[in-house]
Amino acid sequence: MRLYQRESAFKRFGRFWPVAGGLLILLFFWLGFRNISGTVSEEQLRMTEESIRRAAVNCYATEGSYPRNVEYLTEHYGIQIDTDKYVVEYSIMGSNTMPYIEVVPKGGRSRLETAE
């Protein structure tokens, strides 16, 4: 004869299902935020490169030649570059040839380095 009822395995583990479900939901939110932050970084990189390219074309249309360096664009055309996050590769081939422009995250590799 037993004085206490034996607890079934379902009841014993049934208390942990809400906790497991909550942890699973938190995991999905964390993965979602991580994915969004990566997408935002890529978009910032693309927009920075595009704004430098537009300013260079604007400079060519206004002055008749492409600027010699990015500093000229920041001084005269108001381009803002987050130098803590990005490195700009700007190579001019001639005053009337579109320069090679690439924005690379610090510590990252440029398209030229990955092609080698």
PDB file of N, CA and C in Angstrom:
ATOM      1  N   MET A   1       0.844  -1.169   0.000  1.00  0.00           N
ATOM      2  CA  MET A   1       0.000   0.000   0.000  1.00  0.00           C
ATOM      3  C   MET A   1       0.895   1.241   0.000  1.00  0.00           C
ATOM      4  N   ARG A   2       0.578   2.163  -0.874  1.00  0.00           N
ATOM      5  CA  ARG A   2       1.349   3.390  -1.001  1.00  0.00           C
ATOM      6  C   ARG A   2       0.609   4.519  -0.348  1.00  0.00           C
ATOM      7  N   LEU A   3       1.366   5.380   0.340  1.00  0.00           N
ATOM      8  CA  LEU A   3       0.757   6.556   0.941  1.00  0.00           C
ATOM      9  C   LEU A   3       0.698   7.727  -0.041  1.00  0.00           C
ATOM     10  N   TYR A   4       1.617   7.745  -0.974  1.00  0.00           N
ATOM     11  CA  TYR A   4       1.676   8.839  -1.953  1.00  0.00           C
ATOM     12  C   TYR A   4       1.482   8.265  -3.344  1.00  0.00           C
ATOM     13  N   GLN A   5       0.803   9.053  -4.161  1.00  0.00           N
ATOM     14  CA  GLN A   5       0.646   8.620  -5.546  1.00  0.00           C
ATOM     15  C   GLN A   5       1.940   8.847  -6.294  1.00  0.00           C
ATOM     16  N   ARG A   6       2.237   7.935  -7.119  1.00  0.00           N
ATOM     17  CA  ARG A   6       3.434   8.063  -7.926  1.00  0.00           C
ATOM     18  C   ARG A   6       3.134   9.053  -9.061  1.00  0.00           C
ATOM     19  N   GLU A   7       4.072   9.996  -9.280  1.00  0.00           N
ATOM     20  CA  GLU A   7       3.876  11.001 -10.322  1.00  0.00           C
ATOM     21  C   GLU A   7       4.259  10.384 -11.654  1.00  0.00           C
ATOM     22  N   SER A   8       3.394  10.565 -12.645  1.00  0.00           N
ATOM     23  CA  SER A   8       3.683   9.992 -13.959  1.00  0.00           C
ATOM     24  C   SER A   8       4.801  10.785 -14.623  1.00  0.00           C
ATOM     25  N   ALA A   9       5.435  10.132 -15.572  1.00  0.00           N
ATOM     26  CA  ALA A   9       6.537  10.781 -16.290  1.00  0.00           C
ATOM     27  C   ALA A   9       6.032  11.992 -17.066  1.00  0.00           C
ATOM     28  N   PHE A  10       4.826  11.941 -17.603  1.00  0.00           N
ATOM     29  CA  PHE A  10       4.273  13.068 -18.358  1.00  0.00           C
ATOM     30  C   PHE A  10       4.105  14.282 -17.463  1.00  0.00           C
ATOM     31  N   LYS A  11       3.600  14.091 -16.253  1.00  0.00           N
ATOM     32  CA  LYS A  11       3.424  15.212 -15.340  1.00  0.00           C
ATOM     33  C   LYS A  11       4.768  15.778 -14.900  1.00  0.00           C
ATOM     34  N   ARG A  12       5.714  14.906 -14.686  1.00  0.00           N
ATOM     35  CA  ARG A  12       7.027  15.340 -14.229  1.00  0.00           C
ATOM     36  C   ARG A  12       7.713  16.220 -15.281  1.00  0.00           C
ATOM     37  N   PHE A  13       7.672  15.820 -16.552  1.00  0.00           N
ATOM     38  CA  PHE A  13       8.309  16.595 -17.614  1.00  0.00           C
ATOM     39  C   PHE A  13       7.372  17.636 -18.221  1.00  0.00           C
ATOM     40  N   GLY A  14       6.102  17.552 -17.923  1.00  0.00           N
ATOM     41  CA  GLY A  14       5.133  18.494 -18.461  1.00  0.00           C
ATOM     42  C   GLY A  14       5.369  19.919 -17.977  1.00  0.00           C
ATOM     43  N   ARG A  15       5.991  20.093 -16.834  1.00  0.00           N
ATOM     44  CA  ARG A  15       6.265  21.436 -16.313  1.00  0.00           C
ATOM     45  C   ARG A  15       7.354  22.142 -17.118  1.00  0.00           C
ATOM     46  N   PHE A  16       8.196  21.388 -17.799  1.00  0.00           N
ATOM     47  CA  PHE A  16       9.319  21.982 -18.518  1.00  0.00           C
ATOM     48  C   PHE A  16       8.979  22.366 -19.960  1.00  0.00           C
ATOM     49  N   TRP A  17       7.856  21.912 -20.503  1.00  0.00           N
ATOM     50  CA  TRP A  17       7.500  22.243 -21.881  1.00  0.00           C
ATOM     51  C   TRP A  17       7.305  23.743 -22.087  1.00  0.00           C
ATOM     52  N   PRO A  18       6.639  24.478 -21.208  1.00  0.00           N
ATOM     53  CA  PRO A  18       6.526  25.926 -21.415  1.00  0.00           C
ATOM     54  C   PRO A  18       7.895  26.630 -21.403  1.00  0.00           C
ATOM     55  N   VAL A  19       8.785  26.155 -20.530  1.00  0.00           N
ATOM     56  CA  VAL A  19      10.127  26.749 -20.484  1.00  0.00           C
ATOM     57  C   VAL A  19      10.865  26.459 -21.787  1.00  0.00           C
ATOM     58  N   ALA A  20      10.780  25.229 -22.266  1.00  0.00           N
ATOM     59  CA  ALA A  20      11.435  24.861 -23.528  1.00  0.00           C
ATOM     60  C   ALA A  20      10.845  25.656 -24.688  1.00  0.00           C
ATOM     61  N   GLY A  21       9.539  25.844 -24.696  1.00  0.00           N
ATOM     62  CA  GLY A  21       8.896  26.639 -25.745  1.00  0.00           C
ATOM     63  C   GLY A  21       9.352  28.094 -25.705  1.00  0.00           C
ATOM     64  N   GLY A  22       9.452  28.659 -24.503  1.00  0.00           N
ATOM     65  CA  GLY A  22       9.923  30.036 -24.362  1.00  0.00           C
ATOM     66  C   GLY A  22      11.356  30.193 -24.842  1.00  0.00           C
ATOM     67  N   LEU A  23      12.206  29.222 -24.517  1.00  0.00           N
ATOM     68  CA  LEU A  23      13.595  29.268 -24.987  1.00  0.00           C
ATOM     69  C   LEU A  23      13.667  29.144 -26.507  1.00  0.00           C
ATOM     70  N   LEU A  24      12.800  28.332 -27.079  1.00  0.00           N
ATOM     71  CA  LEU A  24      12.767  28.185 -28.527  1.00  0.00           C
ATOM     72  C   LEU A  24      12.343  29.494 -29.204  1.00  0.00           C
ATOM     73  N   ILE A  25      11.363  30.174 -28.639  1.00  0.00           N
ATOM     74  CA  ILE A  25      10.928  31.466 -29.178  1.00  0.00           C
ATOM     75  C   ILE A  25      12.055  32.490 -29.068  1.00  0.00           C
ATOM     76  N   LEU A  26      12.751  32.528 -27.956  1.00  0.00           N
ATOM     77  CA  LEU A  26      13.887  33.445 -27.800  1.00  0.00           C
ATOM     78  C   LEU A  26      14.981  33.153 -28.820  1.00  0.00           C
ATOM     79  N   LEU A  27      15.219  31.879 -29.091  1.00  0.00           N
ATOM     80  CA  LEU A  27      16.210  31.496 -30.084  1.00  0.00           C
ATOM     81  C   LEU A  27      15.830  32.016 -31.460  1.00  0.00           C
ATOM     82  N   PHE A  28      14.543  31.894 -31.842  1.00  0.00           N
ATOM     83  CA  PHE A  28      14.090  32.397 -33.138  1.00  0.00           C
ATOM     84  C   PHE A  28      14.249  33.912 -33.224  1.00  0.00           C
ATOM     85  N   PHE A  29      13.911  34.645 -32.154  1.00  0.00           N
ATOM     86  CA  PHE A  29      14.086  36.100 -32.153  1.00  0.00           C
ATOM     87  C   PHE A  29      15.560  36.466 -32.292  1.00  0.00           C
ATOM     88  N   TRP A  30      16.427  35.772 -31.572  1.00  0.00           N
ATOM     89  CA  TRP A  30      17.853  36.063 -31.627  1.00  0.00           C
ATOM     90  C   TRP A  30      18.402  35.833 -33.029  1.00  0.00           C
ATOM     91  N   LEU A  31      18.022  34.713 -33.662  1.00  0.00           N
ATOM     92  CA  LEU A  31      18.473  34.431 -35.026  1.00  0.00           C
ATOM     93  C   LEU A  31      17.936  35.468 -36.006  1.00  0.00           C
ATOM     94  N   GLY A  32      16.709  35.910 -35.812  1.00  0.00           N
ATOM     95  CA  GLY A  32      16.119  36.937 -36.671  1.00  0.00           C
ATOM     96  C   GLY A  32      16.847  38.261 -36.562  1.00  0.00           C
ATOM     97  N   PHE A  33      17.140  38.702 -35.340  1.00  0.00           N
ATOM     98  CA  PHE A  33      17.857  39.961 -35.144  1.00  0.00           C
ATOM     99  C   PHE A  33      19.270  39.887 -35.712  1.00  0.00           C
ATOM    100  N   ARG A  34      19.896  38.750 -35.570  1.00  0.00           N
ATOM    101  CA  ARG A  34      21.248  38.581 -36.104  1.00  0.00           C
ATOM    102  C   ARG A  34      21.247  38.680 -37.624  1.00  0.00           C
ATOM    103  N   ASN A  35      20.240  38.099 -38.246  1.00  0.00           N
ATOM    104  CA  ASN A  35      20.118  38.155 -39.692  1.00  0.00           C
ATOM    105  C   ASN A  35      19.830  39.584 -40.158  1.00  0.00           C
ATOM    106  N   ILE A  36      18.980  40.302 -39.438  1.00  0.00           N
ATOM    107  CA  ILE A  36      18.649  41.682 -39.798  1.00  0.00           C
ATOM    108  C   ILE A  36      19.872  42.575 -39.674  1.00  0.00           C
ATOM    109  N   SER A  37      20.651  42.415 -38.618  1.00  0.00           N
ATOM    110  CA  SER A  37      21.821  43.273 -38.447  1.00  0.00           C
ATOM    111  C   SER A  37      22.848  43.039 -39.546  1.00  0.00           C
ATOM    112  N   GLY A  38      23.005  41.812 -40.001  1.00  0.00           N
ATOM    113  CA  GLY A  38      23.904  41.529 -41.114  1.00  0.00           C
ATOM    114  C   GLY A  38      23.420  42.164 -42.404  1.00  0.00           C
ATOM    115  N   THR A  39      22.106  42.134 -42.631  1.00  0.00           N
ATOM    116  CA  THR A  39      21.531  42.750 -43.822  1.00  0.00           C
ATOM    117  C   THR A  39      21.702  44.257 -43.790  1.00  0.00           C
ATOM    118  N   VAL A  40      21.529  44.864 -42.634  1.00  0.00           N
ATOM    119  CA  VAL A  40      21.689  46.308 -42.499  1.00  0.00           C
ATOM    120  C   VAL A  40      23.131  46.711 -42.774  1.00  0.00           C
ATOM    121  N   SER A  41      24.097  45.953 -42.286  1.00  0.00           N
ATOM    122  CA  SER A  41      25.509  46.253 -42.533  1.00  0.00           C
ATOM    123  C   SER A  41      25.837  46.186 -44.019  1.00  0.00           C
ATOM    124  N   GLU A  42      25.328  45.180 -44.702  1.00  0.00           N
ATOM    125  CA  GLU A  42      25.557  45.063 -46.140  1.00  0.00           C
ATOM    126  C   GLU A  42      24.936  46.235 -46.891  1.00  0.00           C
ATOM    127  N   GLU A  43      23.765  46.653 -46.470  1.00  0.00           N
ATOM    128  CA  GLU A  43      23.092  47.778 -47.123  1.00  0.00           C
ATOM    129  C   GLU A  43      23.844  49.080 -46.885  1.00  0.00           C
ATOM    130  N   GLN A  44      24.359  49.300 -45.689  1.00  0.00           N
ATOM    131  CA  GLN A  44      25.164  50.496 -45.411  1.00  0.00           C
ATOM    132  C   GLN A  44      26.417  50.516 -46.280  1.00  0.00           C
ATOM    133  N   LEU A  45      27.045  49.389 -46.439  1.00  0.00           N
ATOM    134  CA  LEU A  45      28.239  49.275 -47.278  1.00  0.00           C
ATOM    135  C   LEU A  45      27.908  49.619 -48.724  1.00  0.00           C
ATOM    136  N   ARG A  46      26.826  49.061 -49.234  1.00  0.00           N
ATOM    137  CA  ARG A  46      26.405  49.320 -50.609  1.00  0.00           C
ATOM    138  C   ARG A  46      26.052  50.784 -50.820  1.00  0.00           C
ATOM    139  N   MET A  47      25.338  51.376 -49.862  1.00  0.00           N
ATOM    140  CA  MET A  47      24.932  52.776 -49.990  1.00  0.00           C
ATOM    141  C   MET A  47      26.132  53.718 -49.927  1.00  0.00           C
ATOM    142  N   THR A  48      27.121  53.397 -49.107  1.00  0.00           N
ATOM    143  CA  THR A  48      28.332  54.216 -49.034  1.00  0.00           C
ATOM    144  C   THR A  48      29.065  54.192 -50.365  1.00  0.00           C
ATOM    145  N   GLU A  49      29.222  53.002 -50.920  1.00  0.00           N
ATOM    146  CA  GLU A  49      29.903  52.885 -52.210  1.00  0.00           C
ATOM    147  C   GLU A  49      29.127  53.615 -53.307  1.00  0.00           C
ATOM    148  N   GLU A  50      27.832  53.490 -53.293  1.00  0.00           N
ATOM    149  CA  GLU A  50      27.002  54.147 -54.302  1.00  0.00           C
ATOM    150  C   GLU A  50      27.055  55.674 -54.183  1.00  0.00           C
ATOM    151  N   SER A  51      27.079  56.186 -52.963  1.00  0.00           N
ATOM    152  CA  SER A  51      27.140  57.641 -52.787  1.00  0.00           C
ATOM    153  C   SER A  51      28.488  58.194 -53.256  1.00  0.00           C
ATOM    154  N   ILE A  52      29.573  57.449 -53.033  1.00  0.00           N
ATOM    155  CA  ILE A  52      30.887  57.881 -53.524  1.00  0.00           C
ATOM    156  C   ILE A  52      30.892  57.885 -55.053  1.00  0.00           C
ATOM    157  N   ARG A  53      30.317  56.856 -55.650  1.00  0.00           N
ATOM    158  CA  ARG A  53      30.266  56.765 -57.112  1.00  0.00           C
ATOM    159  C   ARG A  53      29.434  57.914 -57.693  1.00  0.00           C
ATOM    160  N   ARG A  54      28.287  58.204 -57.081  1.00  0.00           N
ATOM    161  CA  ARG A  54      27.448  59.312 -57.561  1.00  0.00           C
ATOM    162  C   ARG A  54      28.156  60.647 -57.450  1.00  0.00           C
ATOM    163  N   ALA A  55      28.852  60.846 -56.335  1.00  0.00           N
ATOM    164  CA  ALA A  55      29.574  62.104 -56.149  1.00  0.00           C
ATOM    165  C   ALA A  55      30.697  62.236 -57.177  1.00  0.00           C
ATOM    166  N   ALA A  56      31.373  61.136 -57.505  1.00  0.00           N
ATOM    167  CA  ALA A  56      32.430  61.181 -58.509  1.00  0.00           C
ATOM    168  C   ALA A  56      31.858  61.536 -59.880  1.00  0.00           C
ATOM    169  N   VAL A  57      30.717  60.968 -60.227  1.00  0.00           N
ATOM    170  CA  VAL A  57      30.070  61.283 -61.502  1.00  0.00           C
ATOM    171  C   VAL A  57      29.590  62.731 -61.503  1.00  0.00           C
ATOM    172  N   ASN A  58      29.053  63.174 -60.383  1.00  0.00           N
ATOM    173  CA  ASN A  58      28.623  64.571 -60.260  1.00  0.00           C
ATOM    174  C   ASN A  58      29.804  65.521 -60.419  1.00  0.00           C
ATOM    175  N   CYS A  59      30.936  65.166 -59.836  1.00  0.00           N
ATOM    176  CA  CYS A  59      32.151  65.962 -59.968  1.00  0.00           C
ATOM    177  C   CYS A  59      32.590  66.010 -61.427  1.00  0.00           C
ATOM    178  N   TYR A  60      32.524  64.890 -62.109  1.00  0.00           N
ATOM    179  CA  TYR A  60      32.905  64.843 -63.519  1.00  0.00           C
ATOM    180  C   TYR A  60      31.986  65.728 -64.366  1.00  0.00           C
ATOM    181  N   ALA A  61      30.680  65.663 -64.066  1.00  0.00           N
ATOM    182  CA  ALA A  61      29.724  66.469 -64.821  1.00  0.00           C
ATOM    183  C   ALA A  61      29.912  67.956 -64.547  1.00  0.00           C
ATOM    184  N   THR A  62      30.259  68.305 -63.333  1.00  0.00           N
ATOM    185  CA  THR A  62      30.407  69.708 -62.949  1.00  0.00           C
ATOM    186  C   THR A  62      31.759  70.285 -63.360  1.00  0.00           C
ATOM    187  N   GLU A  63      32.827  69.545 -63.095  1.00  0.00           N
ATOM    188  CA  GLU A  63      34.177  70.078 -63.259  1.00  0.00           C
ATOM    189  C   GLU A  63      34.906  69.563 -64.497  1.00  0.00           C
ATOM    190  N   GLY A  64      34.369  68.524 -65.143  1.00  0.00           N
ATOM    191  CA  GLY A  64      35.001  68.011 -66.359  1.00  0.00           C
ATOM    192  C   GLY A  64      36.043  66.944 -66.129  1.00  0.00           C
ATOM    193  N   SER A  65      36.306  66.578 -64.887  1.00  0.00           N
ATOM    194  CA  SER A  65      37.245  65.491 -64.604  1.00  0.00           C
ATOM    195  C   SER A  65      36.850  64.830 -63.288  1.00  0.00           C
ATOM    196  N   TYR A  66      37.260  63.575 -63.158  1.00  0.00           N
ATOM    197  CA  TYR A  66      36.985  62.848 -61.916  1.00  0.00           C
ATOM    198  C   TYR A  66      37.943  63.332 -60.838  1.00  0.00           C
ATOM    199  N   PRO A  67      37.527  63.302 -59.588  1.00  0.00           N
ATOM    200  CA  PRO A  67      38.424  63.748 -58.511  1.00  0.00           C
ATOM    201  C   PRO A  67      39.613  62.803 -58.349  1.00  0.00           C
ATOM    202  N   ARG A  68      40.725  63.350 -57.863  1.00  0.00           N
ATOM    203  CA  ARG A  68      41.944  62.543 -57.687  1.00  0.00           C
ATOM    204  C   ARG A  68      41.854  61.594 -56.498  1.00  0.00           C
ATOM    205  N   ASN A  69      41.070  61.966 -55.479  1.00  0.00           N
ATOM    206  CA  ASN A  69      40.972  61.112 -54.295  1.00  0.00           C
ATOM    207  C   ASN A  69      39.620  61.314 -53.611  1.00  0.00           C
ATOM    208  N   VAL A  70      39.366  60.467 -52.634  1.00  0.00           N
ATOM    209  CA  VAL A  70      38.088  60.505 -51.909  1.00  0.00           C
ATOM    210  C   VAL A  70      38.019  61.737 -51.017  1.00  0.00           C
ATOM    211  N   GLU A  71      39.144  62.202 -50.514  1.00  0.00           N
ATOM    212  CA  GLU A  71      39.152  63.380 -49.641  1.00  0.00           C
ATOM    213  C   GLU A  71      38.556  64.590 -50.354  1.00  0.00           C
ATOM    214  N   TYR A  72      38.802  64.690 -51.653  1.00  0.00           N
ATOM    215  CA  TYR A  72      38.232  65.786 -52.434  1.00  0.00           C
ATOM    216  C   TYR A  72      36.700  65.710 -52.416  1.00  0.00           C
ATOM    217  N   LEU A  73      36.180  64.502 -52.528  1.00  0.00           N
ATOM    218  CA  LEU A  73      34.725  64.319 -52.498  1.00  0.00           C
ATOM    219  C   LEU A  73      34.149  64.658 -51.126  1.00  0.00           C
ATOM    220  N   THR A  74      34.855  64.302 -50.067  1.00  0.00           N
ATOM    221  CA  THR A  74      34.350  64.614 -48.730  1.00  0.00           C
ATOM    222  C   THR A  74      34.380  66.116 -48.466  1.00  0.00           C
ATOM    223  N   GLU A  75      35.388  66.805 -48.976  1.00  0.00           N
ATOM    224  CA  GLU A  75      35.500  68.246 -48.754  1.00  0.00           C
ATOM    225  C   GLU A  75      34.525  69.048 -49.608  1.00  0.00           C
ATOM    226  N   HIS A  76      34.401  68.701 -50.888  1.00  0.00           N
ATOM    227  CA  HIS A  76      33.637  69.526 -51.819  1.00  0.00           C
ATOM    228  C   HIS A  76      32.229  69.021 -52.127  1.00  0.00           C
ATOM    229  N   TYR A  77      31.968  67.747 -51.886  1.00  0.00           N
ATOM    230  CA  TYR A  77      30.672  67.188 -52.244  1.00  0.00           C
ATOM    231  C   TYR A  77      29.914  66.594 -51.054  1.00  0.00           C
ATOM    232  N   GLY A  78      30.439  66.756 -49.865  1.00  0.00           N
ATOM    233  CA  GLY A  78      29.714  66.378 -48.653  1.00  0.00           C
ATOM    234  C   GLY A  78      29.566  64.892 -48.404  1.00  0.00           C
ATOM    235  N   ILE A  79      30.399  64.081 -48.989  1.00  0.00           N
ATOM    236  CA  ILE A  79      30.335  62.639 -48.746  1.00  0.00           C
ATOM    237  C   ILE A  79      30.825  62.360 -47.331  1.00  0.00           C
ATOM    238  N   GLN A  80      30.091  61.521 -46.628  1.00  0.00           N
ATOM    239  CA  GLN A  80      30.487  61.124 -45.273  1.00  0.00           C
ATOM    240  C   GLN A  80      30.768  59.627 -45.264  1.00  0.00           C
ATOM    241  N   ILE A  81      31.949  59.275 -44.799  1.00  0.00           N
ATOM    242  CA  ILE A  81      32.368  57.875 -44.751  1.00  0.00           C
ATOM    243  C   ILE A  81      32.723  57.535 -43.315  1.00  0.00           C
ATOM    244  N   ASP A  82      32.150  56.465 -42.806  1.00  0.00           N
ATOM    245  CA  ASP A  82      32.464  56.000 -41.457  1.00  0.00           C
ATOM    246  C   ASP A  82      33.807  55.270 -41.505  1.00  0.00           C
ATOM    247  N   THR A  83      34.886  56.015 -41.239  1.00  0.00           N
ATOM    248  CA  THR A  83      36.232  55.442 -41.343  1.00  0.00           C
ATOM    249  C   THR A  83      36.540  54.442 -40.231  1.00  0.00           C
ATOM    250  N   ASP A  84      35.703  54.401 -39.206  1.00  0.00           N
ATOM    251  CA  ASP A  84      35.886  53.387 -38.161  1.00  0.00           C
ATOM    252  C   ASP A  84      35.430  52.008 -38.650  1.00  0.00           C
ATOM    253  N   LYS A  85      34.506  51.987 -39.619  1.00  0.00           N
ATOM    254  CA  LYS A  85      33.954  50.734 -40.110  1.00  0.00           C
ATOM    255  C   LYS A  85      34.453  50.330 -41.490  1.00  0.00           C
ATOM    256  N   TYR A  86      34.752  51.333 -42.351  1.00  0.00           N
ATOM    257  CA  TYR A  86      35.035  51.040 -43.748  1.00  0.00           C
ATOM    258  C   TYR A  86      36.367  51.601 -44.219  1.00  0.00           C
ATOM    259  N   VAL A  87      36.923  50.950 -45.232  1.00  0.00           N
ATOM    260  CA  VAL A  87      38.101  51.424 -45.946  1.00  0.00           C
ATOM    261  C   VAL A  87      37.670  51.589 -47.401  1.00  0.00           C
ATOM    262  N   VAL A  88      38.031  52.722 -48.000  1.00  0.00           N
ATOM    263  CA  VAL A  88      37.639  52.993 -49.379  1.00  0.00           C
ATOM    264  C   VAL A  88      38.837  52.768 -50.298  1.00  0.00           C
ATOM    265  N   GLU A  89      38.634  51.932 -51.302  1.00  0.00           N
ATOM    266  CA  GLU A  89      39.646  51.744 -52.341  1.00  0.00           C
ATOM    267  C   GLU A  89      39.217  52.599 -53.519  1.00  0.00           C
ATOM    268  N   TYR A  90      40.032  53.591 -53.834  1.00  0.00           N
ATOM    269  CA  TYR A  90      39.721  54.548 -54.891  1.00  0.00           C
ATOM    270  C   TYR A  90      40.947  54.676 -55.768  1.00  0.00           C
ATOM    271  N   SER A  91      40.868  54.143 -56.979  1.00  0.00           N
ATOM    272  CA  SER A  91      42.007  54.175 -57.906  1.00  0.00           C
ATOM    273  C   SER A  91      41.589  54.901 -59.167  1.00  0.00           C
ATOM    274  N   ILE A  92      42.313  55.959 -59.482  1.00  0.00           N
ATOM    275  CA  ILE A  92      42.007  56.740 -60.671  1.00  0.00           C
ATOM    276  C   ILE A  92      42.916  56.281 -61.805  1.00  0.00           C
ATOM    277  N   MET A  93      42.344  56.100 -62.982  1.00  0.00           N
ATOM    278  CA  MET A  93      43.108  55.679 -64.154  1.00  0.00           C
ATOM    279  C   MET A  93      43.460  56.878 -65.036  1.00  0.00           C
ATOM    280  N   GLY A  94      42.653  57.908 -64.973  1.00  0.00           N
ATOM    281  CA  GLY A  94      42.856  59.114 -65.766  1.00  0.00           C
ATOM    282  C   GLY A  94      41.768  60.118 -65.407  1.00  0.00           C
ATOM    283  N   SER A  95      41.915  61.344 -65.840  1.00  0.00           N
ATOM    284  CA  SER A  95      40.954  62.373 -65.439  1.00  0.00           C
ATOM    285  C   SER A  95      39.592  62.193 -66.099  1.00  0.00           C
ATOM    286  N   ASN A  96      39.541  61.458 -67.216  1.00  0.00           N
ATOM    287  CA  ASN A  96      38.256  61.268 -67.886  1.00  0.00           C
ATOM    288  C   ASN A  96      37.785  59.815 -67.873  1.00  0.00           C
ATOM    289  N   THR A  97      38.394  58.974 -67.054  1.00  0.00           N
ATOM    290  CA  THR A  97      38.005  57.569 -66.914  1.00  0.00           C
ATOM    291  C   THR A  97      37.437  57.353 -65.518  1.00  0.00           C
ATOM    292  N   MET A  98      36.314  56.654 -65.469  1.00  0.00           N
ATOM    293  CA  MET A  98      35.671  56.381 -64.179  1.00  0.00           C
ATOM    294  C   MET A  98      36.643  55.642 -63.262  1.00  0.00           C
ATOM    295  N   PRO A  99      36.856  56.143 -62.048  1.00  0.00           N
ATOM    296  CA  PRO A  99      37.795  55.477 -61.130  1.00  0.00           C
ATOM    297  C   PRO A  99      37.226  54.163 -60.598  1.00  0.00           C
ATOM    298  N   TYR A 100      38.132  53.303 -60.143  1.00  0.00           N
ATOM    299  CA  TYR A 100      37.728  52.074 -59.473  1.00  0.00           C
ATOM    300  C   TYR A 100      37.377  52.447 -58.042  1.00  0.00           C
ATOM    301  N   ILE A 101      36.142  52.163 -57.638  1.00  0.00           N
ATOM    302  CA  ILE A 101      35.667  52.513 -56.290  1.00  0.00           C
ATOM    303  C   ILE A 101      35.143  51.250 -55.629  1.00  0.00           C
ATOM    304  N   GLU A 102      35.671  50.977 -54.448  1.00  0.00           N
ATOM    305  CA  GLU A 102      35.173  49.852 -53.656  1.00  0.00           C
ATOM    306  C   GLU A 102      35.262  50.209 -52.183  1.00  0.00           C
ATOM    307  N   VAL A 103      34.194  49.926 -51.462  1.00  0.00           N
ATOM    308  CA  VAL A 103      34.171  50.139 -50.018  1.00  0.00           C
ATOM    309  C   VAL A 103      34.228  48.767 -49.367  1.00  0.00           C
ATOM    310  N   VAL A 104      35.201  48.588 -48.468  1.00  0.00           N
ATOM    311  CA  VAL A 104      35.441  47.298 -47.828  1.00  0.00           C
ATOM    312  C   VAL A 104      35.331  47.477 -46.317  1.00  0.00           C
ATOM    313  N   PRO A 105      34.661  46.564 -45.613  1.00  0.00           N
ATOM    314  CA  PRO A 105      34.659  46.657 -44.158  1.00  0.00           C
ATOM    315  C   PRO A 105      36.068  46.478 -43.622  1.00  0.00           C
ATOM    316  N   LYS A 106      36.388  47.187 -42.545  1.00  0.00           N
ATOM    317  CA  LYS A 106      37.729  47.047 -41.965  1.00  0.00           C
ATOM    318  C   LYS A 106      37.958  45.589 -41.587  1.00  0.00           C
ATOM    319  N   GLY A 107      39.107  45.089 -41.966  1.00  0.00           N
ATOM    320  CA  GLY A 107      39.430  43.691 -41.705  1.00  0.00           C
ATOM    321  C   GLY A 107      38.901  42.761 -42.779  1.00  0.00           C
ATOM    322  N   GLY A 108      38.129  43.286 -43.740  1.00  0.00           N
ATOM    323  CA  GLY A 108      37.584  42.463 -44.811  1.00  0.00           C
ATOM    324  C   GLY A 108      38.520  42.414 -45.997  1.00  0.00           C
ATOM    325  N   ARG A 109      38.106  41.714 -47.027  1.00  0.00           N
ATOM    326  CA  ARG A 109      38.916  41.575 -48.229  1.00  0.00           C
ATOM    327  C   ARG A 109      38.185  42.222 -49.396  1.00  0.00           C
ATOM    328  N   SER A 110      38.942  42.878 -50.249  1.00  0.00           N
ATOM    329  CA  SER A 110      38.350  43.511 -51.421  1.00  0.00           C
ATOM    330  C   SER A 110      38.135  42.479 -52.519  1.00  0.00           C
ATOM    331  N   ARG A 111      37.404  42.880 -53.539  1.00  0.00           N
ATOM    332  CA  ARG A 111      37.157  41.973 -54.673  1.00  0.00           C
ATOM    333  C   ARG A 111      38.455  41.682 -55.408  1.00  0.00           C
ATOM    334  N   LEU A 112      39.378  42.620 -55.426  1.00  0.00           N
ATOM    335  CA  LEU A 112      40.665  42.400 -56.095  1.00  0.00           C
ATOM    336  C   LEU A 112      41.489  41.344 -55.362  1.00  0.00           C
ATOM    337  N   GLU A 113      41.451  41.350 -54.044  1.00  0.00           N
ATOM    338  CA  GLU A 113      42.225  40.371 -53.263  1.00  0.00           C
ATOM    339  C   GLU A 113      41.646  38.969 -53.396  1.00  0.00           C
ATOM    340  N   THR A 114      40.325  38.860 -53.479  1.00  0.00           N
ATOM    341  CA  THR A 114      39.714  37.547 -53.569  1.00  0.00           C
ATOM    342  C   THR A 114      39.870  36.955 -54.952  1.00  0.00           C
ATOM    343  N   ALA A 115      40.136  37.791 -55.968  1.00  0.00           N
ATOM    344  CA  ALA A 115      40.306  37.287 -57.336  1.00  0.00           C
ATOM    345  C   ALA A 115      41.675  36.641 -57.531  1.00  0.00           C
ATOM    346  N   GLU A 116      42.634  36.975 -56.708  1.00  0.00           N
ATOM    347  CA  GLU A 116      43.995  36.441 -56.866  1.00  0.00           C
ATOM    348  C   GLU A 116      44.107  35.000 -56.500  1.00  0.00           C
TER     349      GLU A 116
END
